[in-house]
Amino acid sequence: MDTSYTVRSLQPDTSYMFLVRAQNSHGLSLPSPVTSAIRTRGTTWNVVVVVVVVVVVVVVVVVVVMVVVVVVVMVVVVVVVVVVAVIVVYVAHWSSG
């Protein structure tokens, strides 16, 4: 004989009180005494929120690092171009005279 029942669709972090009535071929029983408040647990949403926050932080850090790398590469390229231009002008100037 099954004497358990699973209540579904309860809200997380919410208190509930229950009473029980039984029904069989003889009819419906009187209700049981009301239980003391039973609080449901939090959902996995807390974990999901933490995971989402961590992912967002990681993505932001990666994007910032990528931007910094691009800026550094651009500065290096500009410096190299300027140095090469100075060398070309210097060589052209000294080889013409």
PDB file of N, CA and C in Angstrom:
ATOM      1  N   MET A   1       0.853  -1.173   0.000  1.00  0.00           N
ATOM      2  CA  MET A   1       0.000   0.000   0.000  1.00  0.00           C
ATOM      3  C   MET A   1       0.902   1.240   0.000  1.00  0.00           C
ATOM      4  N   ASP A   2       0.659   2.146  -0.933  1.00  0.00           N
ATOM      5  CA  ASP A   2       1.447   3.370  -1.031  1.00  0.00           C
ATOM      6  C   ASP A   2       0.908   4.397  -0.038  1.00  0.00           C
ATOM      7  N   THR A   3       1.771   4.869   0.836  1.00  0.00           N
ATOM      8  CA  THR A   3       1.351   5.855   1.837  1.00  0.00           C
ATOM      9  C   THR A   3       2.079   7.181   1.646  1.00  0.00           C
ATOM     10  N   SER A   4       2.647   7.394   0.467  1.00  0.00           N
ATOM     11  CA  SER A   4       3.340   8.653   0.225  1.00  0.00           C
ATOM     12  C   SER A   4       2.735   9.350  -0.982  1.00  0.00           C
ATOM     13  N   TYR A   5       2.979  10.637  -1.043  1.00  0.00           N
ATOM     14  CA  TYR A   5       2.509  11.432  -2.164  1.00  0.00           C
ATOM     15  C   TYR A   5       3.506  12.572  -2.366  1.00  0.00           C
ATOM     16  N   THR A   6       3.870  12.815  -3.609  1.00  0.00           N
ATOM     17  CA  THR A   6       4.779  13.903  -3.919  1.00  0.00           C
ATOM     18  C   THR A   6       3.973  15.085  -4.437  1.00  0.00           C
ATOM     19  N   VAL A   7       4.108  16.208  -3.766  1.00  0.00           N
ATOM     20  CA  VAL A   7       3.430  17.427  -4.193  1.00  0.00           C
ATOM     21  C   VAL A   7       4.370  18.144  -5.150  1.00  0.00           C
ATOM     22  N   ARG A   8       3.883  18.457  -6.309  1.00  0.00           N
ATOM     23  CA  ARG A   8       4.714  19.092  -7.324  1.00  0.00           C
ATOM     24  C   ARG A   8       4.305  20.563  -7.497  1.00  0.00           C
ATOM     25  N   SER A   9       5.126  21.283  -8.217  1.00  0.00           N
ATOM     26  CA  SER A   9       4.876  22.692  -8.566  1.00  0.00           C
ATOM     27  C   SER A   9       4.819  23.609  -7.347  1.00  0.00           C
ATOM     28  N   LEU A  10       5.589  23.284  -6.314  1.00  0.00           N
ATOM     29  CA  LEU A  10       5.669  24.181  -5.170  1.00  0.00           C
ATOM     30  C   LEU A  10       6.685  25.269  -5.467  1.00  0.00           C
ATOM     31  N   GLN A  11       6.500  26.420  -4.884  1.00  0.00           N
ATOM     32  CA  GLN A  11       7.413  27.538  -5.073  1.00  0.00           C
ATOM     33  C   GLN A  11       8.631  27.366  -4.166  1.00  0.00           C
ATOM     34  N   PRO A  12       9.807  27.762  -4.631  1.00  0.00           N
ATOM     35  CA  PRO A  12      11.004  27.658  -3.795  1.00  0.00           C
ATOM     36  C   PRO A  12      10.959  28.665  -2.652  1.00  0.00           C
ATOM     37  N   ASP A  13      11.641  28.319  -1.573  1.00  0.00           N
ATOM     38  CA  ASP A  13      11.733  29.192  -0.396  1.00  0.00           C
ATOM     39  C   ASP A  13      10.365  29.682   0.067  1.00  0.00           C
ATOM     40  N   THR A  14       9.414  28.767   0.120  1.00  0.00           N
ATOM     41  CA  THR A  14       8.045  29.094   0.527  1.00  0.00           C
ATOM     42  C   THR A  14       7.605  28.107   1.585  1.00  0.00           C
ATOM     43  N   SER A  15       6.862  28.597   2.565  1.00  0.00           N
ATOM     44  CA  SER A  15       6.358  27.721   3.626  1.00  0.00           C
ATOM     45  C   SER A  15       4.982  27.190   3.247  1.00  0.00           C
ATOM     46  N   TYR A  16       4.787  25.924   3.513  1.00  0.00           N
ATOM     47  CA  TYR A  16       3.501  25.272   3.255  1.00  0.00           C
ATOM     48  C   TYR A  16       3.083  24.495   4.494  1.00  0.00           C
ATOM     49  N   MET A  17       1.774  24.372   4.683  1.00  0.00           N
ATOM     50  CA  MET A  17       1.224  23.504   5.728  1.00  0.00           C
ATOM     51  C   MET A  17       0.271  22.536   5.026  1.00  0.00           C
ATOM     52  N   PHE A  18       0.232  21.324   5.504  1.00  0.00           N
ATOM     53  CA  PHE A  18      -0.558  20.298   4.840  1.00  0.00           C
ATOM     54  C   PHE A  18      -1.526  19.650   5.811  1.00  0.00           C
ATOM     55  N   LEU A  19      -2.613  19.158   5.232  1.00  0.00           N
ATOM     56  CA  LEU A  19      -3.484  18.234   5.951  1.00  0.00           C
ATOM     57  C   LEU A  19      -3.800  17.110   4.982  1.00  0.00           C
ATOM     58  N   VAL A  20      -4.130  15.968   5.502  1.00  0.00           N
ATOM     59  CA  VAL A  20      -4.323  14.787   4.666  1.00  0.00           C
ATOM     60  C   VAL A  20      -5.708  14.223   4.895  1.00  0.00           C
ATOM     61  N   ARG A  21      -6.318  13.784   3.804  1.00  0.00           N
ATOM     62  CA  ARG A  21      -7.579  13.040   3.877  1.00  0.00           C
ATOM     63  C   ARG A  21      -7.395  11.787   3.034  1.00  0.00           C
ATOM     64  N   ALA A  22      -7.933  10.727   3.496  1.00  0.00           N
ATOM     65  CA  ALA A  22      -7.840   9.465   2.762  1.00  0.00           C
ATOM     66  C   ALA A  22      -9.205   9.111   2.193  1.00  0.00           C
ATOM     67  N   GLN A  23      -9.173   8.405   1.084  1.00  0.00           N
ATOM     68  CA  GLN A  23     -10.420   7.949   0.494  1.00  0.00           C
ATOM     69  C   GLN A  23     -10.260   6.492   0.093  1.00  0.00           C
ATOM     70  N   ASN A  24     -11.258   5.698   0.425  1.00  0.00           N
ATOM     71  CA  ASN A  24     -11.273   4.303   0.006  1.00  0.00           C
ATOM     72  C   ASN A  24     -12.721   3.908  -0.265  1.00  0.00           C
ATOM     73  N   SER A  25     -12.976   2.618  -0.338  1.00  0.00           N
ATOM     74  CA  SER A  25     -14.335   2.140  -0.655  1.00  0.00           C
ATOM     75  C   SER A  25     -15.343   2.516   0.432  1.00  0.00           C
ATOM     76  N   HIS A  26     -14.888   2.848   1.621  1.00  0.00           N
ATOM     77  CA  HIS A  26     -15.782   3.231   2.721  1.00  0.00           C
ATOM     78  C   HIS A  26     -16.053   4.732   2.754  1.00  0.00           C
ATOM     79  N   GLY A  27     -15.361   5.483   1.914  1.00  0.00           N
ATOM     80  CA  GLY A  27     -15.619   6.924   1.864  1.00  0.00           C
ATOM     81  C   GLY A  27     -14.388   7.746   2.152  1.00  0.00           C
ATOM     82  N   LEU A  28     -14.632   8.986   2.509  1.00  0.00           N
ATOM     83  CA  LEU A  28     -13.582   9.964   2.738  1.00  0.00           C
ATOM     84  C   LEU A  28     -13.380  10.134   4.237  1.00  0.00           C
ATOM     85  N   SER A  29     -12.121  10.130   4.653  1.00  0.00           N
ATOM     86  CA  SER A  29     -11.824  10.262   6.087  1.00  0.00           C
ATOM     87  C   SER A  29     -11.908  11.714   6.520  1.00  0.00           C
ATOM     88  N   LEU A  30     -11.886  11.887   7.806  1.00  0.00           N
ATOM     89  CA  LEU A  30     -11.761  13.233   8.363  1.00  0.00           C
ATOM     90  C   LEU A  30     -10.352  13.735   8.073  1.00  0.00           C
ATOM     91  N   PRO A  31     -10.166  15.044   8.017  1.00  0.00           N
ATOM     92  CA  PRO A  31      -8.823  15.548   7.746  1.00  0.00           C
ATOM     93  C   PRO A  31      -7.901  15.319   8.928  1.00  0.00           C
ATOM     94  N   SER A  32      -6.645  15.116   8.618  1.00  0.00           N
ATOM     95  CA  SER A  32      -5.628  14.981   9.660  1.00  0.00           C
ATOM     96  C   SER A  32      -5.393  16.360  10.277  1.00  0.00           C
ATOM     97  N   PRO A  33      -4.695  16.399  11.404  1.00  0.00           N
ATOM     98  CA  PRO A  33      -4.288  17.711  11.918  1.00  0.00           C
ATOM     99  C   PRO A  33      -3.359  18.397  10.909  1.00  0.00           C
ATOM    100  N   VAL A  34      -3.383  19.705  10.891  1.00  0.00           N
ATOM    101  CA  VAL A  34      -2.524  20.468   9.973  1.00  0.00           C
ATOM    102  C   VAL A  34      -1.081  20.355  10.455  1.00  0.00           C
ATOM    103  N   THR A  35      -0.196  20.129   9.510  1.00  0.00           N
ATOM    104  CA  THR A  35       1.227  20.016   9.855  1.00  0.00           C
ATOM    105  C   THR A  35       1.767  21.386  10.242  1.00  0.00           C
ATOM    106  N   SER A  36       2.899  21.371  10.893  1.00  0.00           N
ATOM    107  CA  SER A  36       3.604  22.636  11.102  1.00  0.00           C
ATOM    108  C   SER A  36       4.134  23.088   9.738  1.00  0.00           C
ATOM    109  N   ALA A  37       4.528  24.325   9.647  1.00  0.00           N
ATOM    110  CA  ALA A  37       4.991  24.867   8.370  1.00  0.00           C
ATOM    111  C   ALA A  37       6.226  24.113   7.895  1.00  0.00           C
ATOM    112  N   ILE A  38       6.208  23.755   6.640  1.00  0.00           N
ATOM    113  CA  ILE A  38       7.331  23.079   5.994  1.00  0.00           C
ATOM    114  C   ILE A  38       7.803  24.008   4.881  1.00  0.00           C
ATOM    115  N   ARG A  39       9.078  24.356   4.921  1.00  0.00           N
ATOM    116  CA  ARG A  39       9.622  25.305   3.940  1.00  0.00           C
ATOM    117  C   ARG A  39      10.352  24.547   2.832  1.00  0.00           C
ATOM    118  N   THR A  40      10.039  24.907   1.608  1.00  0.00           N
ATOM    119  CA  THR A  40      10.730  24.296   0.472  1.00  0.00           C
ATOM    120  C   THR A  40      12.126  24.886   0.354  1.00  0.00           C
ATOM    121  N   ARG A  41      12.993  24.128  -0.230  1.00  0.00           N
ATOM    122  CA  ARG A  41      14.368  24.581  -0.440  1.00  0.00           C
ATOM    123  C   ARG A  41      14.419  25.561  -1.590  1.00  0.00           C
ATOM    124  N   GLY A  42      15.540  26.292  -1.634  1.00  0.00           N
ATOM    125  CA  GLY A  42      15.779  27.148  -2.796  1.00  0.00           C
ATOM    126  C   GLY A  42      15.986  26.275  -4.013  1.00  0.00           C
ATOM    127  N   THR A  43      15.805  26.845  -5.156  1.00  0.00           N
ATOM    128  CA  THR A  43      15.978  26.070  -6.386  1.00  0.00           C
ATOM    129  C   THR A  43      17.419  26.128  -6.841  1.00  0.00           C
ATOM    130  N   THR A  44      17.680  25.489  -7.937  1.00  0.00           N
ATOM    131  CA  THR A  44      19.002  25.542  -8.542  1.00  0.00           C
ATOM    132  C   THR A  44      19.215  26.873  -9.239  1.00  0.00           C
ATOM    133  N   TRP A  45      18.218  27.755  -9.198  1.00  0.00           N
ATOM    134  CA  TRP A  45      18.396  29.075  -9.818  1.00  0.00           C
ATOM    135  C   TRP A  45      19.577  29.792  -9.206  1.00  0.00           C
ATOM    136  N   ASN A  46      19.794  29.600  -7.901  1.00  0.00           N
ATOM    137  CA  ASN A  46      20.938  30.243  -7.259  1.00  0.00           C
ATOM    138  C   ASN A  46      22.233  29.814  -7.942  1.00  0.00           C
ATOM    139  N   VAL A  47      22.338  28.524  -8.210  1.00  0.00           N
ATOM    140  CA  VAL A  47      23.525  28.005  -8.886  1.00  0.00           C
ATOM    141  C   VAL A  47      23.601  28.541 -10.309  1.00  0.00           C
ATOM    142  N   VAL A  48      22.460  28.583 -10.994  1.00  0.00           N
ATOM    143  CA  VAL A  48      22.420  29.080 -12.364  1.00  0.00           C
ATOM    144  C   VAL A  48      22.859  30.541 -12.407  1.00  0.00           C
ATOM    145  N   VAL A  49      22.388  31.345 -11.465  1.00  0.00           N
ATOM    146  CA  VAL A  49      22.759  32.763 -11.423  1.00  0.00           C
ATOM    147  C   VAL A  49      24.263  32.904 -11.212  1.00  0.00           C
ATOM    148  N   VAL A  50      24.826  32.116 -10.302  1.00  0.00           N
ATOM    149  CA  VAL A  50      26.266  32.178 -10.047  1.00  0.00           C
ATOM    150  C   VAL A  50      27.031  31.789 -11.307  1.00  0.00           C
ATOM    151  N   VAL A  51      26.601  30.740 -11.976  1.00  0.00           N
ATOM    152  CA  VAL A  51      27.281  30.290 -13.190  1.00  0.00           C
ATOM    153  C   VAL A  51      27.196  31.369 -14.272  1.00  0.00           C
ATOM    154  N   VAL A  52      26.031  31.971 -14.437  1.00  0.00           N
ATOM    155  CA  VAL A  52      25.867  33.021 -15.444  1.00  0.00           C
ATOM    156  C   VAL A  52      26.775  34.210 -15.126  1.00  0.00           C
ATOM    157  N   VAL A  53      26.832  34.608 -13.848  1.00  0.00           N
ATOM    158  CA  VAL A  53      27.688  35.723 -13.448  1.00  0.00           C
ATOM    159  C   VAL A  53      29.147  35.392 -13.738  1.00  0.00           C
ATOM    160  N   VAL A  54      29.574  34.181 -13.408  1.00  0.00           N
ATOM    161  CA  VAL A  54      30.961  33.781 -13.667  1.00  0.00           C
ATOM    162  C   VAL A  54      31.253  33.809 -15.162  1.00  0.00           C
ATOM    163  N   VAL A  55      30.345  33.298 -15.965  1.00  0.00           N
ATOM    164  CA  VAL A  55      30.538  33.287 -17.422  1.00  0.00           C
ATOM    165  C   VAL A  55      30.629  34.716 -17.951  1.00  0.00           C
ATOM    166  N   VAL A  56      29.757  35.594 -17.478  1.00  0.00           N
ATOM    167  CA  VAL A  56      29.784  36.987 -17.931  1.00  0.00           C
ATOM    168  C   VAL A  56      31.106  37.643 -17.548  1.00  0.00           C
ATOM    169  N   VAL A  57      31.556  37.419 -16.326  1.00  0.00           N
ATOM    170  CA  VAL A  57      32.832  37.994 -15.886  1.00  0.00           C
ATOM    171  C   VAL A  57      33.972  37.472 -16.749  1.00  0.00           C
ATOM    172  N   VAL A  58      33.991  36.175 -17.014  1.00  0.00           N
ATOM    173  CA  VAL A  58      35.045  35.595 -17.845  1.00  0.00           C
ATOM    174  C   VAL A  58      35.009  36.196 -19.250  1.00  0.00           C
ATOM    175  N   VAL A  59      33.841  36.329 -19.818  1.00  0.00           N
ATOM    176  CA  VAL A  59      33.716  36.906 -21.160  1.00  0.00           C
ATOM    177  C   VAL A  59      34.209  38.354 -21.157  1.00  0.00           C
ATOM    178  N   VAL A  60      33.841  39.121 -20.152  1.00  0.00           N
ATOM    179  CA  VAL A  60      34.290  40.522 -20.066  1.00  0.00           C
ATOM    180  C   VAL A  60      35.811  40.576 -19.948  1.00  0.00           C
ATOM    181  N   VAL A  61      36.383  39.726 -19.109  1.00  0.00           N
ATOM    182  CA  VAL A  61      37.843  39.700 -18.948  1.00  0.00           C
ATOM    183  C   VAL A  61      38.510  39.332 -20.270  1.00  0.00           C
ATOM    184  N   VAL A  62      37.993  38.332 -20.954  1.00  0.00           N
ATOM    185  CA  VAL A  62      38.571  37.913 -22.239  1.00  0.00           C
ATOM    186  C   VAL A  62      38.484  39.053 -23.249  1.00  0.00           C
ATOM    187  N   VAL A  63      37.348  39.736 -23.308  1.00  0.00           N
ATOM    188  CA  VAL A  63      37.191  40.846 -24.249  1.00  0.00           C
ATOM    189  C   VAL A  63      38.173  41.968 -23.908  1.00  0.00           C
ATOM    190  N   VAL A  64      38.307  42.300 -22.627  1.00  0.00           N
ATOM    191  CA  VAL A  64      39.244  43.347 -22.216  1.00  0.00           C
ATOM    192  C   VAL A  64      40.671  42.954 -22.589  1.00  0.00           C
ATOM    193  N   VAL A  65      41.045  41.707 -22.325  1.00  0.00           N
ATOM    194  CA  VAL A  65      42.390  41.244 -22.675  1.00  0.00           C
ATOM    195  C   VAL A  65      42.592  41.328 -24.186  1.00  0.00           C
ATOM    196  N   MET A  66      41.605  40.932 -24.959  1.00  0.00           N
ATOM    197  CA  MET A  66      41.721  40.999 -26.411  1.00  0.00           C
ATOM    198  C   MET A  66      41.883  42.443 -26.880  1.00  0.00           C
ATOM    199  N   VAL A  67      41.145  43.358 -26.296  1.00  0.00           N
ATOM    200  CA  VAL A  67      41.261  44.772 -26.671  1.00  0.00           C
ATOM    201  C   VAL A  67      42.659  45.280 -26.332  1.00  0.00           C
ATOM    202  N   VAL A  68      43.152  44.936 -25.150  1.00  0.00           N
ATOM    203  CA  VAL A  68      44.498  45.356 -24.757  1.00  0.00           C
ATOM    204  C   VAL A  68      45.535  44.796 -25.725  1.00  0.00           C
ATOM    205  N   VAL A  69      45.411  43.530 -26.084  1.00  0.00           N
ATOM    206  CA  VAL A  69      46.354  42.915 -27.025  1.00  0.00           C
ATOM    207  C   VAL A  69      46.296  43.633 -28.374  1.00  0.00           C
ATOM    208  N   VAL A  70      45.111  43.924 -28.862  1.00  0.00           N
ATOM    209  CA  VAL A  70      44.975  44.618 -30.147  1.00  0.00           C
ATOM    210  C   VAL A  70      45.621  46.001 -30.075  1.00  0.00           C
ATOM    211  N   VAL A  71      45.392  46.720 -28.983  1.00  0.00           N
ATOM    212  CA  VAL A  71      45.987  48.055 -28.828  1.00  0.00           C
ATOM    213  C   VAL A  71      47.510  47.949 -28.783  1.00  0.00           C
ATOM    214  N   VAL A  72      48.036  46.984 -28.033  1.00  0.00           N
ATOM    215  CA  VAL A  72      49.488  46.807 -27.957  1.00  0.00           C
ATOM    216  C   VAL A  72      50.055  46.477 -29.336  1.00  0.00           C
ATOM    217  N   VAL A  73      49.408  45.596 -30.057  1.00  0.00           N
ATOM    218  CA  VAL A  73      49.880  45.230 -31.402  1.00  0.00           C
ATOM    219  C   VAL A  73      49.851  46.461 -32.313  1.00  0.00           C
ATOM    220  N   MET A  74      48.797  47.258 -32.223  1.00  0.00           N
ATOM    221  CA  MET A  74      48.711  48.460 -33.054  1.00  0.00           C
ATOM    222  C   MET A  74      49.835  49.440 -32.707  1.00  0.00           C
ATOM    223  N   VAL A  75      50.130  49.617 -31.431  1.00  0.00           N
ATOM    224  CA  VAL A  75      51.218  50.509 -31.024  1.00  0.00           C
ATOM    225  C   VAL A  75      52.550  49.988 -31.557  1.00  0.00           C
ATOM    226  N   VAL A  76      52.783  48.693 -31.439  1.00  0.00           N
ATOM    227  CA  VAL A  76      54.027  48.105 -31.943  1.00  0.00           C
ATOM    228  C   VAL A  76      54.135  48.320 -33.451  1.00  0.00           C
ATOM    229  N   VAL A  77      53.062  48.116 -34.166  1.00  0.00           N
ATOM    230  CA  VAL A  77      53.078  48.307 -35.622  1.00  0.00           C
ATOM    231  C   VAL A  77      53.390  49.765 -35.952  1.00  0.00           C
ATOM    232  N   VAL A  78      52.779  50.702 -35.256  1.00  0.00           N
ATOM    233  CA  VAL A  78      53.038  52.122 -35.513  1.00  0.00           C
ATOM    234  C   VAL A  78      54.499  52.453 -35.219  1.00  0.00           C
ATOM    235  N   VAL A  79      55.035  51.951 -34.114  1.00  0.00           N
ATOM    236  CA  VAL A  79      56.431  52.200 -33.762  1.00  0.00           C
ATOM    237  C   VAL A  79      57.351  51.624 -34.839  1.00  0.00           C
ATOM    238  N   VAL A  80      57.084  50.425 -35.289  1.00  0.00           N
ATOM    239  CA  VAL A  80      57.915  49.797 -36.329  1.00  0.00           C
ATOM    240  C   VAL A  80      57.836  50.617 -37.615  1.00  0.00           C
ATOM    241  N   VAL A  81      56.660  51.054 -37.992  1.00  0.00           N
ATOM    242  CA  VAL A  81      56.504  51.844 -39.220  1.00  0.00           C
ATOM    243  C   VAL A  81      57.271  53.159 -39.097  1.00  0.00           C
ATOM    244  N   VAL A  82      57.169  53.805 -37.941  1.00  0.00           N
ATOM    245  CA  VAL A  82      57.887  55.070 -37.736  1.00  0.00           C
ATOM    246  C   VAL A  82      59.390  54.834 -37.788  1.00  0.00           C
ATOM    247  N   VAL A  83      59.889  53.805 -37.131  1.00  0.00           N
ATOM    248  CA  VAL A  83      61.323  53.501 -37.133  1.00  0.00           C
ATOM    249  C   VAL A  83      61.796  53.211 -38.554  1.00  0.00           C
ATOM    250  N   VAL A  84      61.043  52.405 -39.296  1.00  0.00           N
ATOM    251  CA  VAL A  84      61.416  52.096 -40.684  1.00  0.00           C
ATOM    252  C   VAL A  84      61.413  53.374 -41.524  1.00  0.00           C
ATOM    253  N   ALA A  85      60.424  54.225 -41.338  1.00  0.00           N
ATOM    254  CA  ALA A  85      60.360  55.483 -42.101  1.00  0.00           C
ATOM    255  C   ALA A  85      61.556  56.369 -41.782  1.00  0.00           C
ATOM    256  N   VAL A  86      61.928  56.451 -40.505  1.00  0.00           N
ATOM    257  CA  VAL A  86      63.090  57.257 -40.117  1.00  0.00           C
ATOM    258  C   VAL A  86      64.354  56.685 -40.746  1.00  0.00           C
ATOM    259  N   ILE A  87      64.507  55.383 -40.733  1.00  0.00           N
ATOM    260  CA  ILE A  87      65.688  54.743 -41.332  1.00  0.00           C
ATOM    261  C   ILE A  87      65.738  55.019 -42.831  1.00  0.00           C
ATOM    262  N   VAL A  88      64.600  54.892 -43.501  1.00  0.00           N
ATOM    263  CA  VAL A  88      64.547  55.132 -44.945  1.00  0.00           C
ATOM    264  C   VAL A  88      64.922  56.577 -45.253  1.00  0.00           C
ATOM    265  N   VAL A  89      64.390  57.517 -44.493  1.00  0.00           N
ATOM    266  CA  VAL A  89      64.714  58.933 -44.715  1.00  0.00           C
ATOM    267  C   VAL A  89      66.187  59.168 -44.437  1.00  0.00           C
ATOM    268  N   TYR A  90      66.700  58.592 -43.370  1.00  0.00           N
ATOM    269  CA  TYR A  90      68.106  58.763 -43.000  1.00  0.00           C
ATOM    270  C   TYR A  90      69.017  58.203 -44.087  1.00  0.00           C
ATOM    271  N   VAL A  91      68.730  56.991 -44.531  1.00  0.00           N
ATOM    272  CA  VAL A  91      69.544  56.362 -45.579  1.00  0.00           C
ATOM    273  C   VAL A  91      69.453  57.151 -46.867  1.00  0.00           C
ATOM    274  N   ALA A  92      68.264  57.590 -47.237  1.00  0.00           N
ATOM    275  CA  ALA A  92      68.081  58.369 -48.463  1.00  0.00           C
ATOM    276  C   ALA A  92      68.846  59.675 -48.377  1.00  0.00           C
ATOM    277  N   HIS A  93      68.819  60.273 -47.205  1.00  0.00           N
ATOM    278  CA  HIS A  93      69.503  61.549 -47.035  1.00  0.00           C
ATOM    279  C   HIS A  93      71.020  61.386 -47.155  1.00  0.00           C
ATOM    280  N   TRP A  94      71.584  60.359 -46.537  1.00  0.00           N
ATOM    281  CA  TRP A  94      73.033  60.169 -46.545  1.00  0.00           C
ATOM    282  C   TRP A  94      73.547  59.556 -47.850  1.00  0.00           C
ATOM    283  N   SER A  95      72.711  58.845 -48.528  1.00  0.00           N
ATOM    284  CA  SER A  95      73.174  58.237 -49.789  1.00  0.00           C
ATOM    285  C   SER A  95      73.079  59.206 -50.949  1.00  0.00           C
ATOM    286  N   SER A  96      72.337  60.254 -50.800  1.00  0.00           N
ATOM    287  CA  SER A  96      72.190  61.226 -51.886  1.00  0.00           C
ATOM    288  C   SER A  96      73.320  62.267 -51.850  1.00  0.00           C
ATOM    289  N   GLY A  97      74.034  62.366 -50.804  1.00  0.00           N
ATOM    290  CA  GLY A  97      75.031  63.422 -50.703  1.00  0.00           C
ATOM    291  C   GLY A  97      76.395  62.948 -50.747  1.00  0.00           C
TER     292      GLY A  97
END
